[in-house]
């Protein structure tokens, strides 16, 4: 049984899965997705996605919000691709929310 403190991946399930699959698929141009909480709830939703890599993703981070990011990074001059997960809790997120998010790694 889920507690109200648990992360909710069900509400926006379709958009979460679609965004993840887009990032993991080397045939798509989407190479990052950023996930955030829906307001002050524990419902995780897609906040944004794009084709500009890590540099574009980090410009979306905010000091007052927690985020989870997924980014496909292609190594130059090689055929290697890395998938990077980013957990961001901004410096201005209050301590209670910070502790909650630490237990929410999806």
Protein backbone atom coordinates (compact mmCIF):
# COMPACT_ATOMS: atom_id res chain seq x y z
CA UNK A 1 0.00 0.00 0.00
CA UNK A 2 1.36 3.38 -1.00
CA UNK A 3 1.73 6.16 1.51
CA UNK A 4 0.93 9.79 0.68
CA UNK A 5 4.68 10.42 1.03
CA UNK A 6 5.56 7.95 -1.76
CA UNK A 7 6.38 9.22 -5.22
CA UNK A 8 3.43 8.92 -7.59
CA UNK A 9 4.46 7.71 -11.06
CA UNK A 10 0.94 6.64 -12.02
CA UNK A 11 -0.89 9.91 -12.68
CA UNK A 12 1.31 10.97 -15.61
CA UNK A 13 2.49 7.46 -16.45
CA UNK A 14 2.11 7.71 -20.24
CA UNK A 15 4.07 10.95 -20.63
CA UNK A 16 6.80 9.71 -18.24
CA UNK A 17 7.28 6.48 -20.17
CA UNK A 18 7.14 8.19 -23.58
CA UNK A 19 9.75 10.76 -22.55
CA UNK A 20 12.05 8.07 -21.14
CA UNK A 21 11.74 5.96 -24.28
CA UNK A 22 12.45 8.98 -26.50
CA UNK A 23 15.69 9.69 -24.65
CA UNK A 24 16.77 6.04 -24.71
CA UNK A 25 16.00 5.62 -28.43
CA UNK A 26 19.04 6.64 -30.53
CA UNK A 27 16.76 7.14 -33.56
CA UNK A 28 14.98 10.12 -31.97
CA UNK A 29 16.42 13.61 -31.78
CA UNK A 30 15.16 14.05 -28.20
CA UNK A 31 18.22 13.56 -26.01
CA UNK A 32 17.01 14.80 -22.64
CA UNK A 33 13.93 14.88 -20.46
CA UNK A 34 13.33 16.69 -17.21
CA UNK A 35 10.82 15.49 -14.63
CA UNK A 36 9.36 17.57 -11.79
CA UNK A 37 6.73 17.35 -9.11
CA UNK A 38 3.23 18.59 -9.89
CA UNK A 39 3.09 21.56 -7.53
CA UNK A 40 3.62 20.52 -3.91
CA UNK A 41 2.34 16.99 -4.52
CA UNK A 42 4.45 13.86 -4.96
CA UNK A 43 3.07 13.29 -8.48
CA UNK A 44 6.01 13.22 -10.90
CA UNK A 45 5.35 14.69 -14.35
CA UNK A 46 7.28 15.59 -17.47
CA UNK A 47 8.46 19.18 -17.08
CA UNK A 48 10.29 19.54 -20.40
CA UNK A 49 12.38 17.73 -22.99
CA UNK A 50 14.62 18.72 -25.84
CA UNK A 51 17.37 18.07 -28.34
CA UNK A 52 20.09 20.41 -27.01
CA UNK A 53 21.83 17.98 -24.65
CA UNK A 54 23.10 18.57 -21.14
CA UNK A 55 23.73 22.27 -21.70
CA UNK A 56 20.09 22.85 -22.61
CA UNK A 57 18.83 20.67 -19.75
CA UNK A 58 20.82 22.47 -17.04
CA UNK A 59 19.36 25.80 -18.13
CA UNK A 60 15.94 24.47 -17.08
CA UNK A 61 16.97 23.74 -13.47
CA UNK A 62 15.66 26.09 -10.79
CA UNK A 63 17.07 26.75 -7.29
CA UNK A 64 13.64 26.42 -5.62
CA UNK A 65 12.60 23.11 -7.20
CA UNK A 66 13.66 19.46 -7.22
CA UNK A 67 14.05 17.75 -10.61
CA UNK A 68 15.04 14.42 -12.10
CA UNK A 69 16.70 14.45 -15.48
CA UNK A 70 17.56 11.84 -18.05
CA UNK A 71 20.05 12.66 -20.78
CA UNK A 72 21.58 10.74 -23.68
CA UNK A 73 25.20 11.75 -24.19
CA UNK A 74 27.05 10.66 -27.32
CA UNK A 75 30.82 10.51 -27.03
CA UNK A 76 32.52 12.40 -29.86
CA UNK A 77 34.46 10.30 -32.39
CA UNK A 78 33.12 7.04 -30.95
CA UNK A 79 29.97 5.01 -31.25
CA UNK A 80 29.52 5.07 -27.48
CA UNK A 81 26.39 6.53 -25.93
CA UNK A 82 25.84 7.07 -22.23
CA UNK A 83 22.53 7.58 -20.45
CA UNK A 84 22.91 9.92 -17.49
CA UNK A 85 20.42 10.36 -14.67
CA UNK A 86 20.48 13.71 -12.90
CA UNK A 87 18.97 14.30 -9.48
CA UNK A 88 18.69 18.00 -8.72
CA UNK A 89 17.46 19.54 -5.50
CA UNK A 90 17.90 23.28 -5.75
CA UNK A 91 19.70 25.18 -3.02
CA UNK A 92 16.50 26.97 -1.97
CA UNK A 93 14.36 23.84 -1.51
CA UNK A 94 13.29 23.62 2.15
CA UNK A 95 14.79 20.89 4.33
CA UNK A 96 11.56 18.90 4.71
CA UNK A 97 11.01 18.69 0.94
CA UNK A 98 14.70 17.94 0.42
CA UNK A 99 14.43 14.93 2.75
CA UNK A 100 11.27 13.71 1.01
CA UNK A 101 12.92 13.90 -2.40
CA UNK A 102 15.95 11.96 -1.20
CA UNK A 103 13.64 9.00 -0.61
CA UNK A 104 11.98 9.38 -4.03
CA UNK A 105 14.71 8.36 -6.44
CA UNK A 106 12.57 6.85 -9.22
